[in-house]
C-alpha atoms as a PDB file:
ATOM      1  CA  MET A   1      -3.373  -7.674  -0.109  1.00  0.00           C
ATOM      2  CA  GLN A   2      -3.731  -6.445   3.464  1.00  0.00           C
ATOM      3  CA  ILE A   3      -3.689  -3.003   5.007  1.00  0.00           C
ATOM      4  CA  TRP A   4      -3.311  -3.431   8.746  1.00  0.00           C
ATOM      5  CA  ASP A   5      -5.301  -1.141  11.031  1.00  0.00           C
ATOM      6  CA  ILE A   6      -2.597  -1.568  13.653  1.00  0.00           C
ATOM      7  CA  GLU A   7      -0.101   1.156  14.545  1.00  0.00           C
ATOM      8  CA  PRO A   8       2.918   0.770  12.214  1.00  0.00           C
ATOM      9  CA  HIS A   9       5.409   0.646  15.099  1.00  0.00           C
ATOM     10  CA  LEU A  10       3.832  -2.650  16.211  1.00  0.00           C
ATOM     11  CA  LEU A  11       4.511  -4.387  12.879  1.00  0.00           C
ATOM     12  CA  CYS A  12       7.651  -6.428  12.217  1.00  0.00           C
ATOM     13  CA  ASN A  13       9.962  -5.321   9.408  1.00  0.00           C
ATOM     14  CA  PHE A  14       8.380  -7.742   6.930  1.00  0.00           C
ATOM     15  CA  HIS A  15       4.787  -6.646   7.572  1.00  0.00           C
ATOM     16  CA  LEU A  16       5.781  -2.977   7.750  1.00  0.00           C
ATOM     17  CA  GLN A  17       7.408  -3.146   4.302  1.00  0.00           C
ATOM     18  CA  GLU A  18       4.504  -5.186   2.957  1.00  0.00           C
ATOM     19  CA  GLN A  19       2.095  -2.563   4.313  1.00  0.00           C
ATOM     20  CA  HIS A  20       4.074   0.184   2.571  1.00  0.00           C
ATOM     21  CA  ASP A  21       4.067  -1.672  -0.746  1.00  0.00           C
ATOM     22  CA  ASN A  22       0.356  -2.471  -0.510  1.00  0.00           C
ATOM     23  CA  ILE A  23      -0.511   1.167   0.227  1.00  0.00           C
ATOM     24  CA  HIS A  24       1.360   2.280  -2.881  1.00  0.00           C
ATOM     25  CA  ALA A  25      -0.431  -0.350  -4.966  1.00  0.00           C
ATOM     26  CA  LEU A  26      -3.832   0.658  -3.606  1.00  0.00           C
ATOM     27  CA  ILE A  27      -3.290   4.378  -4.119  1.00  0.00           C
ATOM     28  CA  HIS A  28      -2.163   3.742  -7.678  1.00  0.00           C
ATOM     29  CA  LEU A  29      -5.166   1.530  -8.333  1.00  0.00           C
ATOM     30  CA  LEU A  30      -7.709   3.861  -6.737  1.00  0.00           C
ATOM     31  CA  SER A  31      -6.337   7.014  -8.361  1.00  0.00           C
ATOM     32  CA  GLN A  32      -6.735   5.591 -11.874  1.00  0.00           C
ATOM     33  CA  ASP A  33      -9.932   6.012 -13.783  1.00  0.00           C
ATOM     34  CA  VAL A  34     -10.374   2.296 -14.317  1.00  0.00           C
ATOM     35  CA  ILE A  35     -12.695  -0.437 -13.197  1.00  0.00           C
ATOM     36  CA  TYR A  36     -10.930  -2.826 -10.866  1.00  0.00           C
ATOM     37  CA  PRO A  37     -11.940  -6.252  -9.624  1.00  0.00           C
ATOM     38  CA  PRO A  38     -13.752  -6.303  -6.311  1.00  0.00           C
ATOM     39  CA  HIS A  39     -11.443  -6.852  -3.374  1.00  0.00           C
ATOM     40  CA  PRO A  40     -12.242  -6.148   0.290  1.00  0.00           C
ATOM     41  CA  GLU A  41      -9.239  -3.841   0.769  1.00  0.00           C
ATOM     42  CA  VAL A  42      -9.910  -1.954  -2.453  1.00  0.00           C
ATOM     43  CA  ASN A  43     -13.560  -1.469  -1.563  1.00  0.00           C
ATOM     44  CA  ARG A  44     -12.907  -0.208   1.955  1.00  0.00           C
ATOM     45  CA  TRP A  45     -10.441   2.456   0.800  1.00  0.00           C
ATOM     46  CA  LYS A  46     -12.621   3.943  -1.956  1.00  0.00           C
ATOM     47  CA  GLN A  47     -13.076   7.680  -1.349  1.00  0.00           C
ATOM     48  CA  LYS A  48     -10.456   7.525   1.417  1.00  0.00           C
ATOM     49  CA  LEU A  49      -7.256   8.325  -0.480  1.00  0.00           C
ATOM     50  CA  SER A  50      -6.235  11.035   1.982  1.00  0.00           C
ATOM     51  CA  LEU A  51      -6.555   8.543   4.846  1.00  0.00           C
ATOM     52  CA  LEU A  52      -4.519   6.032   2.890  1.00  0.00           C
ATOM     53  CA  LYS A  53      -1.859   8.680   2.280  1.00  0.00           C
ATOM     54  CA  GLU A  54      -1.825   9.428   6.002  1.00  0.00           C
ATOM     55  CA  MET A  55      -1.344   5.704   6.668  1.00  0.00           C
ATOM     56  CA  HIS A  56       1.504   5.737   4.140  1.00  0.00           C
ATOM     57  CA  ASP A  57       3.169   8.679   5.862  1.00  0.00           C
ATOM     58  CA  LEU A  58       2.997   6.970   9.275  1.00  0.00           C
ATOM     59  CA  THR A  59       4.403   3.787   7.754  1.00  0.00           C
ATOM     60  CA  ALA A  60       7.192   5.739   6.028  1.00  0.00           C
ATOM     61  CA  ILE A  61       8.119   7.458   9.310  1.00  0.00           C
ATOM     62  CA  GLU A  62       8.401   4.068  10.991  1.00  0.00           C
ATOM     63  CA  LEU A  63      10.483   2.677   8.117  1.00  0.00           C
ATOM     64  CA  SER A  64      12.870   5.619   8.462  1.00  0.00           C
ATOM     65  CA  ARG A  65      12.962   5.263  12.243  1.00  0.00           C
ATOM     66  CA  ARG A  66      14.155   1.680  11.719  1.00  0.00           C
ATOM     67  CA  GLY A  67      16.914   2.848   9.388  1.00  0.00           C
ATOM     68  CA  ARG A  68      15.241   1.637   6.213  1.00  0.00           C
ATOM     69  CA  SER A  69      15.351   3.890   3.192  1.00  0.00           C
ATOM     70  CA  HIS A  70      12.169   5.502   1.979  1.00  0.00           C
ATOM     71  CA  GLU A  71      12.123   7.506  -1.217  1.00  0.00           C
ATOM     72  CA  SER A  72       8.602   7.035  -2.503  1.00  0.00           C
ATOM     73  CA  SER A  73       6.464   9.977  -1.488  1.00  0.00           C
ATOM     74  CA  ILE A  74       2.818  10.109  -2.436  1.00  0.00           C
ATOM     75  CA  TYR A  75       1.229  13.179  -3.948  1.00  0.00           C
ATOM     76  CA  LEU A  76      -2.493  13.294  -4.423  1.00  0.00           C
ATOM     77  CA  ASN A  77      -3.567  15.660  -7.172  1.00  0.00           C
ATOM     78  CA  GLN A  78      -7.089  15.976  -6.025  1.00  0.00           C
ATOM     79  CA  ILE A  79      -9.191  14.795  -3.143  1.00  0.00           C
ATOM     80  CA  SER A  80     -12.813  14.039  -3.786  1.00  0.00           C
ATOM     81  CA  GLN A  81     -15.300  16.270  -2.020  1.00  0.00           C
ATOM     82  CA  ASN A  82     -17.004  13.046  -0.994  1.00  0.00           C
ATOM     83  CA  GLU A  83     -13.826  11.904   0.756  1.00  0.00           C
ATOM     84  CA  HIS A  84     -14.348  10.305   4.164  1.00  0.00           C
ATOM     85  CA  SER A  85     -12.276  11.542   7.097  1.00  0.00           C
ATOM     86  CA  PHE A  86     -12.127   8.252   8.996  1.00  0.00           C
ATOM     87  CA  GLN A  87     -12.037   4.537   8.260  1.00  0.00           C
ATOM     88  CA  ASP A  88     -15.369   2.969   9.129  1.00  0.00           C
ATOM     89  CA  ILE A  89     -15.073  -0.265   7.131  1.00  0.00           C
ATOM     90  CA  PHE A  90     -12.919  -3.123   8.356  1.00  0.00           C
ATOM     91  CA  VAL A  91     -12.191  -6.476   6.733  1.00  0.00           C
ATOM     92  CA  SER A  92     -11.458  -7.793  10.214  1.00  0.00           C
ATOM     93  CA  THR A  93     -11.368  -6.141  13.614  1.00  0.00           C
ATOM     94  CA  ILE A  94      -8.088  -4.934  15.089  1.00  0.00           C
ATOM     95  CA  GLU A  95      -8.291  -7.774  17.608  1.00  0.00           C
ATOM     96  CA  GLU A  96      -8.699 -10.294  14.772  1.00  0.00           C
ATOM     97  CA  GLN A  97      -5.755  -8.720  12.949  1.00  0.00           C
ATOM     98  CA  ILE A  98      -3.555  -9.094  16.042  1.00  0.00           C
ATOM     99  CA  ILE A  99      -4.567 -12.758  16.350  1.00  0.00           C
ATOM    100  CA  LEU A 100      -3.776 -13.284  12.663  1.00  0.00           C
ATOM    101  CA  LEU A 101      -0.331 -11.709  13.043  1.00  0.00           C
ATOM    102  CA  LYS A 102       0.376 -13.878  16.086  1.00  0.00           C
ATOM    103  CA  GLU A 103      -0.537 -16.963  14.059  1.00  0.00           C
ATOM    104  CA  PHE A 104       2.025 -16.007  11.384  1.00  0.00           C
ATOM    105  CA  SER A 105       4.798 -16.742  13.894  1.00  0.00           C
ATOM    106  CA  CYS A 106       6.500 -13.461  13.007  1.00  0.00           C
ATOM    107  CA  PRO A 107       8.019 -10.940  15.434  1.00  0.00           C
ATOM    108  CA  CYS A 108       5.008  -8.598  15.293  1.00  0.00           C
ATOM    109  CA  PHE A 109       3.429  -9.805  18.528  1.00  0.00           C
ATOM    110  CA  THR A 110       5.833 -12.351  20.000  1.00  0.00           C
END
């Protein structure tokens, strides 16, 4: 699972759709009152559901701009008062993410 910290318009169709799907999975996982296995992406988005929703909305706008259907809105019932307003934890830097995408030989950065 990967949530890219790169602007959605820079992602290829595959990674954009994958990002969208992963955001939905993470929001579902984090909004449940369950214990989940440790995962770097899960851990960095704890108490940041509103930021993740914002990332979803930007991704959905880009999907629509590309003519792809989007019918899966996200509604958050409650935001924790301890919610963070910015992402300060990164699995890898944006520069490392760009290098990784280039190594995938996909259209993201070719």
